[in-house]
Amino acid sequence: MSFSFFKALRPKTPQELAKTIKDSLMGLDTKTVVEVKLLEKALEEVEKNFSAMKVMLLGDGEVEPNVDQITQLAVEICKEDVIPLFFHKLSILGWEARKDLVQCWSILLKQKVGSTHCCVQYLENHFDLLDFLVAGYDNKEIALNCGNMLRECIKFPTLAKYMLESPSFELFFKYVELANFDVASDAFSTFKDVLTKHPTEVSEFLTSHYDEFFEQYEKLLTSSNYVTRRQSLKLLSEFLLEPPSSHIMKKYIAEVQHFKVMMTLLTDTSKNIQISAFHIFKIFVANPNKPREIKVILAKNHERLLELLNNLSAGKGGDDDQFEEEKELIIKEIERIQNQ
């Protein structure tokens, strides 16, 4: 007669796991967890459940994950309202649990029931959760986690569109200049994704918020921080030159104030910034419909500009031939204007 002293634990179903995750996250409520030891135990429980979630979504290295279980877990997490707890409890979680959550979040967002991404649809009905993630940049402990999760959200047009239209979008102009380099860099990565992943949505946003956006953006271009100036210049080229934003570019290069900013950046002490500024400056100069004010500025400053351009090279890794060809065309146009 054989006896079994240890019975193997049956793996939880997606429904059970979602409920267990919810209960463990709610167990972190600071009103009920008043003792350090109780909090440590509650955090261990969350970490254990997140680990189980990760195995269900990614497999354990030996057994491949079950596609139906992955989809069902995403459905149950939405049904149990676990997503708000993911976000709101993030600052309490330990490092390992946050890492697992970020990894799982990417997979959960991609899950579809029919033609609907269930977690995306949940966020569409709770857009304020995106604002919560944006505000996470104020807390350096969770800033990078929030940034990773936000960038996964931005891959979906409806969520990116909300972020552009939300008042919290303005916070990025502050976050990209934070003193903490890692947080500021991460915030700029998110800011860049919002402005480049979905050109049509970005074009619509810039059309309706042109003045407010570029007033703020000019502060980045003229920042005392070298990294901010360089990154914002490169980003400006990216979203201005997208085909859906051609009307935005035409408006931008017809405005004297923007032209003056590029003139200033052309004289920056950094060669990298000079080169990036040139690639936008040349669009102003090549514009066949240049406003009279811009022509006057070009004529008045032609000697200084020609000297500067003649000393400007493509830089390391640049296409020398194309750069020199473009530069020659711009020099000729400035000379033509000066001789009128």
C-alpha atoms as a PDB file:
ATOM      1  CA  MET A   1       0.000   0.000   0.000  1.00  0.00           C
ATOM      2  CA  SER A   2       1.490   3.345  -0.996  1.00  0.00           C
ATOM      3  CA  PHE A   3       0.941   6.654   0.717  1.00  0.00           C
ATOM      4  CA  SER A   4       1.315  10.093  -0.832  1.00  0.00           C
ATOM      5  CA  PHE A   5       2.405  12.611   1.762  1.00  0.00           C
ATOM      6  CA  PHE A   6       2.786  15.435  -0.730  1.00  0.00           C
ATOM      7  CA  LYS A   7       0.113  16.269  -3.231  1.00  0.00           C
ATOM      8  CA  ALA A   8       1.288  18.334  -6.202  1.00  0.00           C
ATOM      9  CA  LEU A   9      -0.374  21.725  -6.310  1.00  0.00           C
ATOM     10  CA  ARG A  10      -2.756  22.106  -9.235  1.00  0.00           C
ATOM     11  CA  PRO A  11      -1.844  25.133 -11.372  1.00  0.00           C
ATOM     12  CA  LYS A  12      -4.383  27.911 -11.026  1.00  0.00           C
ATOM     13  CA  THR A  13      -6.793  28.590 -13.852  1.00  0.00           C
ATOM     14  CA  PRO A  14      -6.699  32.085 -15.426  1.00  0.00           C
ATOM     15  CA  GLN A  15      -9.853  32.977 -13.483  1.00  0.00           C
ATOM     16  CA  GLU A  16      -8.325  31.834 -10.184  1.00  0.00           C
ATOM     17  CA  LEU A  17      -5.008  33.545 -10.864  1.00  0.00           C
ATOM     18  CA  ALA A  18      -6.642  36.866 -11.724  1.00  0.00           C
ATOM     19  CA  LYS A  19      -8.694  36.720  -8.518  1.00  0.00           C
ATOM     20  CA  THR A  20      -5.630  35.767  -6.457  1.00  0.00           C
ATOM     21  CA  ILE A  21      -3.601  38.631  -7.952  1.00  0.00           C
ATOM     22  CA  LYS A  22      -6.415  41.058  -7.181  1.00  0.00           C
ATOM     23  CA  ASP A  23      -6.745  39.861  -3.582  1.00  0.00           C
ATOM     24  CA  SER A  24      -2.993  40.055  -2.951  1.00  0.00           C
ATOM     25  CA  LEU A  25      -2.770  43.592  -4.382  1.00  0.00           C
ATOM     26  CA  MET A  26      -5.741  44.706  -2.289  1.00  0.00           C
ATOM     27  CA  GLY A  27      -3.943  43.167   0.679  1.00  0.00           C
ATOM     28  CA  LEU A  28      -1.325  45.886   0.324  1.00  0.00           C
ATOM     29  CA  ASP A  29      -3.807  48.514   1.491  1.00  0.00           C
ATOM     30  CA  THR A  30      -1.867  50.637   3.996  1.00  0.00           C
ATOM     31  CA  LYS A  31      -4.977  50.945   6.167  1.00  0.00           C
ATOM     32  CA  THR A  32      -4.928  47.234   6.895  1.00  0.00           C
ATOM     33  CA  VAL A  33      -1.171  46.529   6.633  1.00  0.00           C
ATOM     34  CA  VAL A  34       0.056  48.368   9.697  1.00  0.00           C
ATOM     35  CA  GLU A  35       3.004  46.228  10.678  1.00  0.00           C
ATOM     36  CA  VAL A  36       6.249  45.876   8.726  1.00  0.00           C
ATOM     37  CA  LYS A  37       6.201  42.073   8.946  1.00  0.00           C
ATOM     38  CA  LEU A  38       2.640  41.932   7.649  1.00  0.00           C
ATOM     39  CA  LEU A  39       3.575  44.211   4.753  1.00  0.00           C
ATOM     40  CA  GLU A  40       6.597  42.058   3.916  1.00  0.00           C
ATOM     41  CA  LYS A  41       4.406  38.960   3.869  1.00  0.00           C
ATOM     42  CA  ALA A  42       1.811  40.715   1.681  1.00  0.00           C
ATOM     43  CA  LEU A  43       4.530  41.826  -0.769  1.00  0.00           C
ATOM     44  CA  GLU A  44       5.890  38.275  -0.943  1.00  0.00           C
ATOM     45  CA  GLU A  45       2.396  37.070  -1.828  1.00  0.00           C
ATOM     46  CA  VAL A  46       2.133  39.623  -4.655  1.00  0.00           C
ATOM     47  CA  GLU A  47       5.577  38.668  -5.953  1.00  0.00           C
ATOM     48  CA  LYS A  48       4.626  34.989  -5.938  1.00  0.00           C
ATOM     49  CA  ASN A  49       1.416  35.713  -7.859  1.00  0.00           C
ATOM     50  CA  PHE A  50       3.189  37.943 -10.383  1.00  0.00           C
ATOM     51  CA  SER A  51       5.694  35.138 -10.917  1.00  0.00           C
ATOM     52  CA  ALA A  52       2.801  32.744 -11.617  1.00  0.00           C
ATOM     53  CA  MET A  53       1.317  35.298 -14.025  1.00  0.00           C
ATOM     54  CA  LYS A  54       4.652  35.553 -15.819  1.00  0.00           C
ATOM     55  CA  VAL A  55       4.835  31.744 -16.179  1.00  0.00           C
ATOM     56  CA  MET A  56       1.287  31.624 -17.567  1.00  0.00           C
ATOM     57  CA  LEU A  57       2.084  34.361 -20.094  1.00  0.00           C
ATOM     58  CA  LEU A  58       5.656  33.377 -21.044  1.00  0.00           C
ATOM     59  CA  GLY A  59       6.035  29.748 -20.066  1.00  0.00           C
ATOM     60  CA  ASP A  60       8.660  28.395 -17.689  1.00  0.00           C
ATOM     61  CA  GLY A  61      11.467  27.687 -20.158  1.00  0.00           C
ATOM     62  CA  GLU A  62      10.422  24.048 -20.556  1.00  0.00           C
ATOM     63  CA  VAL A  63       6.700  24.253 -21.265  1.00  0.00           C
ATOM     64  CA  GLU A  64       5.349  26.716 -23.810  1.00  0.00           C
ATOM     65  CA  PRO A  65       2.520  29.002 -22.654  1.00  0.00           C
ATOM     66  CA  ASN A  66      -1.041  28.067 -23.575  1.00  0.00           C
ATOM     67  CA  VAL A  67      -2.483  30.651 -25.995  1.00  0.00           C
ATOM     68  CA  ASP A  68      -6.053  30.214 -24.747  1.00  0.00           C
ATOM     69  CA  GLN A  69      -4.958  30.646 -21.139  1.00  0.00           C
ATOM     70  CA  ILE A  70      -3.064  33.842 -22.009  1.00  0.00           C
ATOM     71  CA  THR A  71      -6.150  35.345 -23.651  1.00  0.00           C
ATOM     72  CA  GLN A  72      -8.395  34.218 -20.806  1.00  0.00           C
ATOM     73  CA  LEU A  73      -6.071  35.715 -18.195  1.00  0.00           C
ATOM     74  CA  ALA A  74      -6.196  39.085 -19.973  1.00  0.00           C
ATOM     75  CA  VAL A  75     -10.007  38.883 -20.041  1.00  0.00           C
ATOM     76  CA  GLU A  76     -10.220  37.987 -16.349  1.00  0.00           C
ATOM     77  CA  ILE A  77      -7.784  40.739 -15.335  1.00  0.00           C
ATOM     78  CA  CYS A  78     -10.089  43.242 -17.029  1.00  0.00           C
ATOM     79  CA  LYS A  79     -13.211  41.655 -15.580  1.00  0.00           C
ATOM     80  CA  GLU A  80     -11.779  41.739 -12.044  1.00  0.00           C
ATOM     81  CA  ASP A  81     -10.608  45.383 -12.400  1.00  0.00           C
ATOM     82  CA  VAL A  82      -7.020  44.383 -11.691  1.00  0.00           C
ATOM     83  CA  ILE A  83      -5.456  46.971 -14.045  1.00  0.00           C
ATOM     84  CA  PRO A  84      -6.067  49.956 -11.728  1.00  0.00           C
ATOM     85  CA  LEU A  85      -4.438  47.966  -8.918  1.00  0.00           C
ATOM     86  CA  PHE A  86      -1.398  47.271 -11.122  1.00  0.00           C
ATOM     87  CA  PHE A  87      -0.900  51.015 -11.475  1.00  0.00           C
ATOM     88  CA  HIS A  88      -1.950  52.303  -8.059  1.00  0.00           C
ATOM     89  CA  LYS A  89       0.109  49.755  -6.108  1.00  0.00           C
ATOM     90  CA  LEU A  90       3.221  50.104  -8.270  1.00  0.00           C
ATOM     91  CA  SER A  91       5.052  52.355  -5.801  1.00  0.00           C
ATOM     92  CA  ILE A  92       4.615  49.823  -2.969  1.00  0.00           C
ATOM     93  CA  LEU A  93       5.894  46.825  -4.932  1.00  0.00           C
ATOM     94  CA  GLY A  94       9.425  45.493  -4.736  1.00  0.00           C
ATOM     95  CA  TRP A  95      11.913  45.711  -7.605  1.00  0.00           C
ATOM     96  CA  GLU A  96      11.362  42.127  -8.832  1.00  0.00           C
ATOM     97  CA  ALA A  97       7.566  42.435  -8.804  1.00  0.00           C
ATOM     98  CA  ARG A  98       7.737  45.698 -10.796  1.00  0.00           C
ATOM     99  CA  LYS A  99      10.042  44.085 -13.345  1.00  0.00           C
ATOM    100  CA  ASP A 100       7.673  41.126 -13.779  1.00  0.00           C
ATOM    101  CA  LEU A 101       4.669  43.427 -14.081  1.00  0.00           C
ATOM    102  CA  VAL A 102       6.278  45.520 -16.829  1.00  0.00           C
ATOM    103  CA  GLN A 103       7.136  42.354 -18.754  1.00  0.00           C
ATOM    104  CA  CYS A 104       3.625  40.926 -18.338  1.00  0.00           C
ATOM    105  CA  TRP A 105       1.962  44.241 -19.229  1.00  0.00           C
ATOM    106  CA  SER A 106       3.413  44.164 -22.730  1.00  0.00           C
ATOM    107  CA  ILE A 107       1.890  40.725 -23.372  1.00  0.00           C
ATOM    108  CA  LEU A 108      -1.470  41.486 -21.758  1.00  0.00           C
ATOM    109  CA  LEU A 109      -2.002  44.569 -23.940  1.00  0.00           C
ATOM    110  CA  LYS A 110      -1.583  42.514 -27.117  1.00  0.00           C
ATOM    111  CA  GLN A 111      -4.295  39.975 -26.266  1.00  0.00           C
ATOM    112  CA  LYS A 112      -7.359  40.035 -28.508  1.00  0.00           C
ATOM    113  CA  VAL A 113     -10.831  38.583 -28.163  1.00  0.00           C
ATOM    114  CA  GLY A 114     -12.119  38.609 -31.709  1.00  0.00           C
ATOM    115  CA  SER A 115     -10.975  41.943 -33.097  1.00  0.00           C
ATOM    116  CA  THR A 116     -10.800  43.682 -29.704  1.00  0.00           C
ATOM    117  CA  HIS A 117      -7.712  44.141 -27.563  1.00  0.00           C
ATOM    118  CA  CYS A 118      -9.435  43.651 -24.212  1.00  0.00           C
ATOM    119  CA  CYS A 119      -6.883  45.484 -22.037  1.00  0.00           C
ATOM    120  CA  VAL A 120      -6.724  48.369 -24.514  1.00  0.00           C
ATOM    121  CA  GLN A 121     -10.506  48.565 -24.457  1.00  0.00           C
ATOM    122  CA  TYR A 122     -10.388  48.636 -20.650  1.00  0.00           C
ATOM    123  CA  LEU A 123      -8.035  51.623 -20.770  1.00  0.00           C
ATOM    124  CA  GLU A 124     -10.261  53.335 -23.333  1.00  0.00           C
ATOM    125  CA  ASN A 125     -12.988  53.176 -20.695  1.00  0.00           C
ATOM    126  CA  HIS A 126     -10.601  54.331 -17.951  1.00  0.00           C
ATOM    127  CA  PHE A 127      -8.358  56.881 -19.678  1.00  0.00           C
ATOM    128  CA  ASP A 128      -7.468  58.450 -16.322  1.00  0.00           C
ATOM    129  CA  LEU A 129      -5.175  55.456 -15.724  1.00  0.00           C
ATOM    130  CA  LEU A 130      -2.897  56.754 -18.493  1.00  0.00           C
ATOM    131  CA  ASP A 131      -2.708  60.102 -16.704  1.00  0.00           C
ATOM    132  CA  PHE A 132      -1.721  58.206 -13.566  1.00  0.00           C
ATOM    133  CA  LEU A 133       1.163  56.550 -15.417  1.00  0.00           C
ATOM    134  CA  VAL A 134       2.339  59.894 -16.813  1.00  0.00           C
ATOM    135  CA  ALA A 135       2.363  61.371 -13.301  1.00  0.00           C
ATOM    136  CA  GLY A 136       4.558  58.427 -12.286  1.00  0.00           C
ATOM    137  CA  TYR A 137       7.530  60.379 -13.661  1.00  0.00           C
ATOM    138  CA  ASP A 138       7.286  62.498 -10.514  1.00  0.00           C
ATOM    139  CA  ASN A 139       8.379  59.461  -8.484  1.00  0.00           C
ATOM    140  CA  LYS A 140      11.905  58.408  -9.459  1.00  0.00           C
ATOM    141  CA  GLU A 141      11.383  54.998  -7.829  1.00  0.00           C
ATOM    142  CA  ILE A 142       8.744  53.978 -10.372  1.00  0.00           C
ATOM    143  CA  ALA A 143       9.403  56.478 -13.202  1.00  0.00           C
ATOM    144  CA  LEU A 144      11.140  53.993 -15.513  1.00  0.00           C
ATOM    145  CA  ASN A 145       8.481  51.334 -14.896  1.00  0.00           C
ATOM    146  CA  CYS A 146       5.723  53.816 -15.715  1.00  0.00           C
ATOM    147  CA  GLY A 147       7.647  54.901 -18.808  1.00  0.00           C
ATOM    148  CA  ASN A 148       7.947  51.338 -20.081  1.00  0.00           C
ATOM    149  CA  MET A 149       4.250  50.687 -19.533  1.00  0.00           C
ATOM    150  CA  LEU A 150       3.288  53.987 -21.191  1.00  0.00           C
ATOM    151  CA  ARG A 151       5.335  53.213 -24.297  1.00  0.00           C
ATOM    152  CA  GLU A 152       3.528  49.896 -24.622  1.00  0.00           C
ATOM    153  CA  CYS A 153       0.213  51.774 -24.424  1.00  0.00           C
ATOM    154  CA  ILE A 154       1.325  54.336 -27.029  1.00  0.00           C
ATOM    155  CA  LYS A 155       1.618  51.563 -29.624  1.00  0.00           C
ATOM    156  CA  PHE A 156      -2.185  51.695 -29.852  1.00  0.00           C
ATOM    157  CA  PRO A 157      -3.608  54.722 -31.764  1.00  0.00           C
ATOM    158  CA  THR A 158      -6.581  55.387 -29.478  1.00  0.00           C
ATOM    159  CA  LEU A 159      -4.379  55.479 -26.381  1.00  0.00           C
ATOM    160  CA  ALA A 160      -1.739  57.648 -28.073  1.00  0.00           C
ATOM    161  CA  LYS A 161      -4.455  60.052 -29.250  1.00  0.00           C
ATOM    162  CA  TYR A 162      -5.807  60.378 -25.714  1.00  0.00           C
ATOM    163  CA  MET A 163      -2.334  61.106 -24.363  1.00  0.00           C
ATOM    164  CA  LEU A 164      -1.821  63.870 -26.911  1.00  0.00           C
ATOM    165  CA  GLU A 165      -5.154  65.474 -26.049  1.00  0.00           C
ATOM    166  CA  SER A 166      -4.842  65.025 -22.282  1.00  0.00           C
ATOM    167  CA  PRO A 167      -3.734  67.955 -20.082  1.00  0.00           C
ATOM    168  CA  SER A 168      -1.090  65.615 -18.651  1.00  0.00           C
ATOM    169  CA  PHE A 169       0.742  65.679 -22.015  1.00  0.00           C
ATOM    170  CA  GLU A 170       2.060  69.133 -21.076  1.00  0.00           C
ATOM    171  CA  LEU A 171       3.899  67.551 -18.145  1.00  0.00           C
ATOM    172  CA  PHE A 172       6.397  66.018 -20.581  1.00  0.00           C
ATOM    173  CA  PHE A 173       7.847  69.466 -21.260  1.00  0.00           C
ATOM    174  CA  LYS A 174       8.821  69.458 -17.578  1.00  0.00           C
ATOM    175  CA  TYR A 175       9.791  65.802 -17.267  1.00  0.00           C
ATOM    176  CA  VAL A 176      12.277  65.830 -20.167  1.00  0.00           C
ATOM    177  CA  GLU A 177      14.279  68.480 -18.268  1.00  0.00           C
ATOM    178  CA  LEU A 178      14.326  66.779 -14.868  1.00  0.00           C
ATOM    179  CA  ALA A 179      17.658  66.792 -13.035  1.00  0.00           C
ATOM    180  CA  ASN A 180      17.708  62.985 -12.872  1.00  0.00           C
ATOM    181  CA  PHE A 181      19.272  62.037 -16.227  1.00  0.00           C
ATOM    182  CA  ASP A 182      17.791  58.517 -16.402  1.00  0.00           C
ATOM    183  CA  VAL A 183      14.265  59.739 -15.711  1.00  0.00           C
ATOM    184  CA  ALA A 184      14.577  62.703 -18.098  1.00  0.00           C
ATOM    185  CA  SER A 185      15.909  60.418 -20.860  1.00  0.00           C
ATOM    186  CA  ASP A 186      13.097  57.923 -20.334  1.00  0.00           C
ATOM    187  CA  ALA A 187      10.513  60.725 -20.384  1.00  0.00           C
ATOM    188  CA  PHE A 188      11.961  61.956 -23.687  1.00  0.00           C
ATOM    189  CA  SER A 189      11.691  58.431 -25.149  1.00  0.00           C
ATOM    190  CA  THR A 190       7.995  58.393 -24.248  1.00  0.00           C
ATOM    191  CA  PHE A 191       7.515  61.961 -25.520  1.00  0.00           C
ATOM    192  CA  LYS A 192       9.150  60.944 -28.808  1.00  0.00           C
ATOM    193  CA  ASP A 193       6.924  57.888 -29.201  1.00  0.00           C
ATOM    194  CA  VAL A 194       3.775  59.948 -28.632  1.00  0.00           C
ATOM    195  CA  LEU A 195       4.869  62.352 -31.380  1.00  0.00           C
ATOM    196  CA  THR A 196       6.072  59.806 -33.953  1.00  0.00           C
ATOM    197  CA  LYS A 197       4.239  56.456 -33.650  1.00  0.00           C
ATOM    198  CA  HIS A 198       0.966  57.581 -35.241  1.00  0.00           C
ATOM    199  CA  PRO A 199       1.546  60.424 -37.754  1.00  0.00           C
ATOM    200  CA  THR A 200      -2.133  60.953 -38.593  1.00  0.00           C
ATOM    201  CA  GLU A 201      -3.138  61.422 -34.948  1.00  0.00           C
ATOM    202  CA  VAL A 202      -0.126  63.696 -34.377  1.00  0.00           C
ATOM    203  CA  SER A 203      -1.048  65.804 -37.418  1.00  0.00           C
ATOM    204  CA  GLU A 204      -4.602  66.243 -36.123  1.00  0.00           C
ATOM    205  CA  PHE A 205      -3.279  67.223 -32.708  1.00  0.00           C
ATOM    206  CA  LEU A 206      -0.797  69.765 -34.089  1.00  0.00           C
ATOM    207  CA  THR A 207      -3.467  71.244 -36.335  1.00  0.00           C
ATOM    208  CA  SER A 208      -5.763  71.984 -33.394  1.00  0.00           C
ATOM    209  CA  HIS A 209      -3.056  72.839 -30.823  1.00  0.00           C
ATOM    210  CA  TYR A 210      -0.415  74.456 -33.015  1.00  0.00           C
ATOM    211  CA  ASP A 211       0.250  77.660 -31.056  1.00  0.00           C
ATOM    212  CA  GLU A 212       0.266  76.116 -27.587  1.00  0.00           C
ATOM    213  CA  PHE A 213       2.451  73.192 -28.629  1.00  0.00           C
ATOM    214  CA  PHE A 214       5.150  75.156 -30.440  1.00  0.00           C
ATOM    215  CA  GLU A 215       5.263  77.804 -27.741  1.00  0.00           C
ATOM    216  CA  GLN A 216       6.224  75.032 -25.321  1.00  0.00           C
ATOM    217  CA  TYR A 217       8.463  73.268 -27.816  1.00  0.00           C
ATOM    218  CA  GLU A 218      10.516  76.409 -28.390  1.00  0.00           C
ATOM    219  CA  LYS A 219      11.534  76.258 -24.719  1.00  0.00           C
ATOM    220  CA  LEU A 220      13.086  72.838 -25.373  1.00  0.00           C
ATOM    221  CA  LEU A 221      14.927  74.080 -28.456  1.00  0.00           C
ATOM    222  CA  THR A 222      16.372  77.002 -26.487  1.00  0.00           C
ATOM    223  CA  SER A 223      17.024  75.047 -23.281  1.00  0.00           C
ATOM    224  CA  SER A 224      20.312  75.552 -21.438  1.00  0.00           C
ATOM    225  CA  ASN A 225      20.592  71.741 -21.376  1.00  0.00           C
ATOM    226  CA  TYR A 226      22.642  70.444 -24.317  1.00  0.00           C
ATOM    227  CA  VAL A 227      20.921  67.035 -24.401  1.00  0.00           C
ATOM    228  CA  THR A 228      17.476  68.648 -24.449  1.00  0.00           C
ATOM    229  CA  ARG A 229      18.427  70.973 -27.319  1.00  0.00           C
ATOM    230  CA  ARG A 230      19.925  68.184 -29.391  1.00  0.00           C
ATOM    231  CA  GLN A 231      17.133  65.655 -28.814  1.00  0.00           C
ATOM    232  CA  SER A 232      14.339  68.164 -29.428  1.00  0.00           C
ATOM    233  CA  LEU A 233      15.964  69.321 -32.696  1.00  0.00           C
ATOM    234  CA  LYS A 234      16.197  65.763 -34.011  1.00  0.00           C
ATOM    235  CA  LEU A 235      12.637  65.019 -32.920  1.00  0.00           C
ATOM    236  CA  LEU A 236      11.330  68.189 -34.599  1.00  0.00           C
ATOM    237  CA  SER A 237      12.722  66.970 -37.924  1.00  0.00           C
ATOM    238  CA  GLU A 238      11.039  63.599 -37.478  1.00  0.00           C
ATOM    239  CA  PHE A 239       7.476  64.707 -36.841  1.00  0.00           C
ATOM    240  CA  LEU A 240       7.522  67.794 -39.092  1.00  0.00           C
ATOM    241  CA  LEU A 241       8.638  65.815 -42.126  1.00  0.00           C
ATOM    242  CA  GLU A 242       5.942  63.116 -41.846  1.00  0.00           C
ATOM    243  CA  PRO A 243       3.600  63.392 -44.902  1.00  0.00           C
ATOM    244  CA  PRO A 244       0.405  63.890 -42.838  1.00  0.00           C
ATOM    245  CA  SER A 245       2.047  66.950 -41.235  1.00  0.00           C
ATOM    246  CA  SER A 246       3.111  68.700 -44.454  1.00  0.00           C
ATOM    247  CA  HIS A 247       0.650  71.546 -43.795  1.00  0.00           C
ATOM    248  CA  ILE A 248       2.137  71.950 -40.306  1.00  0.00           C
ATOM    249  CA  MET A 249       5.637  72.172 -41.764  1.00  0.00           C
ATOM    250  CA  LYS A 250       4.517  74.831 -44.284  1.00  0.00           C
ATOM    251  CA  LYS A 251       3.048  76.892 -41.474  1.00  0.00           C
ATOM    252  CA  TYR A 252       6.116  76.403 -39.268  1.00  0.00           C
ATOM    253  CA  ILE A 253       8.649  77.507 -41.924  1.00  0.00           C
ATOM    254  CA  ALA A 254       6.608  80.632 -42.696  1.00  0.00           C
ATOM    255  CA  GLU A 255       6.969  81.992 -39.157  1.00  0.00           C
ATOM    256  CA  VAL A 256       9.804  84.377 -38.392  1.00  0.00           C
ATOM    257  CA  GLN A 257      10.078  83.435 -34.721  1.00  0.00           C
ATOM    258  CA  HIS A 258      10.845  79.799 -35.565  1.00  0.00           C
ATOM    259  CA  PHE A 259      13.366  80.935 -38.161  1.00  0.00           C
ATOM    260  CA  LYS A 260      15.161  83.068 -35.568  1.00  0.00           C
ATOM    261  CA  VAL A 261      15.420  80.072 -33.244  1.00  0.00           C
ATOM    262  CA  MET A 262      17.075  78.016 -36.018  1.00  0.00           C
ATOM    263  CA  MET A 263      19.442  80.909 -36.769  1.00  0.00           C
ATOM    264  CA  THR A 264      20.493  80.918 -33.117  1.00  0.00           C
ATOM    265  CA  LEU A 265      20.973  77.139 -33.058  1.00  0.00           C
ATOM    266  CA  LEU A 266      23.157  77.360 -36.153  1.00  0.00           C
ATOM    267  CA  THR A 267      25.630  79.315 -34.006  1.00  0.00           C
ATOM    268  CA  ASP A 268      25.537  76.819 -31.124  1.00  0.00           C
ATOM    269  CA  THR A 269      28.920  75.831 -29.682  1.00  0.00           C
ATOM    270  CA  SER A 270      28.090  72.183 -30.434  1.00  0.00           C
ATOM    271  CA  LYS A 271      28.782  70.993 -33.994  1.00  0.00           C
ATOM    272  CA  ASN A 272      26.121  68.288 -33.606  1.00  0.00           C
ATOM    273  CA  ILE A 273      23.470  70.887 -32.833  1.00  0.00           C
ATOM    274  CA  GLN A 274      24.666  73.092 -35.697  1.00  0.00           C
ATOM    275  CA  ILE A 275      24.250  70.198 -38.132  1.00  0.00           C
ATOM    276  CA  SER A 276      20.791  69.269 -36.804  1.00  0.00           C
ATOM    277  CA  ALA A 277      19.742  72.930 -36.965  1.00  0.00           C
ATOM    278  CA  PHE A 278      20.994  73.166 -40.561  1.00  0.00           C
ATOM    279  CA  HIS A 279      18.638  70.392 -41.646  1.00  0.00           C
ATOM    280  CA  ILE A 280      15.670  72.481 -40.505  1.00  0.00           C
ATOM    281  CA  PHE A 281      17.179  75.867 -41.434  1.00  0.00           C
ATOM    282  CA  LYS A 282      17.582  74.703 -45.043  1.00  0.00           C
ATOM    283  CA  ILE A 283      13.802  74.145 -45.315  1.00  0.00           C
ATOM    284  CA  PHE A 284      13.171  77.777 -44.350  1.00  0.00           C
ATOM    285  CA  VAL A 285      15.681  79.010 -46.942  1.00  0.00           C
ATOM    286  CA  ALA A 286      14.541  76.644 -49.720  1.00  0.00           C
ATOM    287  CA  ASN A 287      10.882  77.578 -49.213  1.00  0.00           C
ATOM    288  CA  PRO A 288       9.761  79.213 -52.507  1.00  0.00           C
ATOM    289  CA  ASN A 289       7.159  81.208 -50.577  1.00  0.00           C
ATOM    290  CA  LYS A 290       9.431  82.726 -47.943  1.00  0.00           C
ATOM    291  CA  PRO A 291       7.842  85.685 -46.114  1.00  0.00           C
ATOM    292  CA  ARG A 292       9.480  89.047 -46.744  1.00  0.00           C
ATOM    293  CA  GLU A 293      10.676  89.247 -43.106  1.00  0.00           C
ATOM    294  CA  ILE A 294      12.709  86.047 -43.508  1.00  0.00           C
ATOM    295  CA  LYS A 295      14.280  87.338 -46.738  1.00  0.00           C
ATOM    296  CA  VAL A 296      15.259  90.563 -44.952  1.00  0.00           C
ATOM    297  CA  ILE A 297      16.908  88.607 -42.118  1.00  0.00           C
ATOM    298  CA  LEU A 298      18.801  86.422 -44.613  1.00  0.00           C
ATOM    299  CA  ALA A 299      20.038  89.466 -46.547  1.00  0.00           C
ATOM    300  CA  LYS A 300      21.039  91.356 -43.415  1.00  0.00           C
ATOM    301  CA  ASN A 301      22.970  88.400 -41.976  1.00  0.00           C
ATOM    302  CA  HIS A 302      24.261  86.911 -45.225  1.00  0.00           C
ATOM    303  CA  GLU A 303      27.996  87.414 -44.510  1.00  0.00           C
ATOM    304  CA  ARG A 304      27.842  85.719 -41.128  1.00  0.00           C
ATOM    305  CA  LEU A 305      25.628  82.928 -42.470  1.00  0.00           C
ATOM    306  CA  LEU A 306      27.879  82.215 -45.463  1.00  0.00           C
ATOM    307  CA  GLU A 307      30.947  82.078 -43.243  1.00  0.00           C
ATOM    308  CA  LEU A 308      29.202  79.725 -40.853  1.00  0.00           C
ATOM    309  CA  LEU A 309      27.887  77.456 -43.632  1.00  0.00           C
ATOM    310  CA  ASN A 310      31.250  77.304 -45.392  1.00  0.00           C
ATOM    311  CA  ASN A 311      32.821  76.024 -42.172  1.00  0.00           C
ATOM    312  CA  LEU A 312      30.076  73.465 -41.520  1.00  0.00           C
ATOM    313  CA  SER A 313      30.711  69.799 -42.399  1.00  0.00           C
ATOM    314  CA  ALA A 314      28.485  66.726 -42.313  1.00  0.00           C
ATOM    315  CA  GLY A 315      30.199  65.379 -39.212  1.00  0.00           C
ATOM    316  CA  LYS A 316      31.151  61.835 -38.300  1.00  0.00           C
ATOM    317  CA  GLY A 317      29.020  59.237 -40.069  1.00  0.00           C
ATOM    318  CA  GLY A 318      27.270  61.848 -42.218  1.00  0.00           C
ATOM    319  CA  ASP A 319      26.792  61.735 -45.980  1.00  0.00           C
ATOM    320  CA  ASP A 320      29.413  64.288 -47.059  1.00  0.00           C
ATOM    321  CA  ASP A 321      28.386  64.464 -50.707  1.00  0.00           C
ATOM    322  CA  GLN A 322      24.689  65.020 -50.043  1.00  0.00           C
ATOM    323  CA  PHE A 323      25.404  67.461 -47.223  1.00  0.00           C
ATOM    324  CA  GLU A 324      27.778  69.523 -49.367  1.00  0.00           C
ATOM    325  CA  GLU A 325      25.299  69.539 -52.236  1.00  0.00           C
ATOM    326  CA  GLU A 326      22.484  70.791 -49.991  1.00  0.00           C
ATOM    327  CA  LYS A 327      24.770  73.343 -48.371  1.00  0.00           C
ATOM    328  CA  GLU A 328      25.811  74.692 -51.780  1.00  0.00           C
ATOM    329  CA  LEU A 329      22.167  75.137 -52.804  1.00  0.00           C
ATOM    330  CA  ILE A 330      21.401  77.043 -49.591  1.00  0.00           C
ATOM    331  CA  ILE A 331      24.474  79.255 -50.004  1.00  0.00           C
ATOM    332  CA  LYS A 332      23.409  80.108 -53.570  1.00  0.00           C
ATOM    333  CA  GLU A 333      19.897  80.960 -52.417  1.00  0.00           C
ATOM    334  CA  ILE A 334      21.209  83.276 -49.674  1.00  0.00           C
ATOM    335  CA  GLU A 335      23.489  84.970 -52.213  1.00  0.00           C
ATOM    336  CA  ARG A 336      20.585  85.350 -54.645  1.00  0.00           C
ATOM    337  CA  ILE A 337      18.437  87.005 -51.972  1.00  0.00           C
ATOM    338  CA  GLN A 338      21.271  89.327 -50.946  1.00  0.00           C
ATOM    339  CA  ASN A 339      21.750  90.452 -54.561  1.00  0.00           C
ATOM    340  CA  GLN A 340      18.078  91.245 -55.173  1.00  0.00           C
END
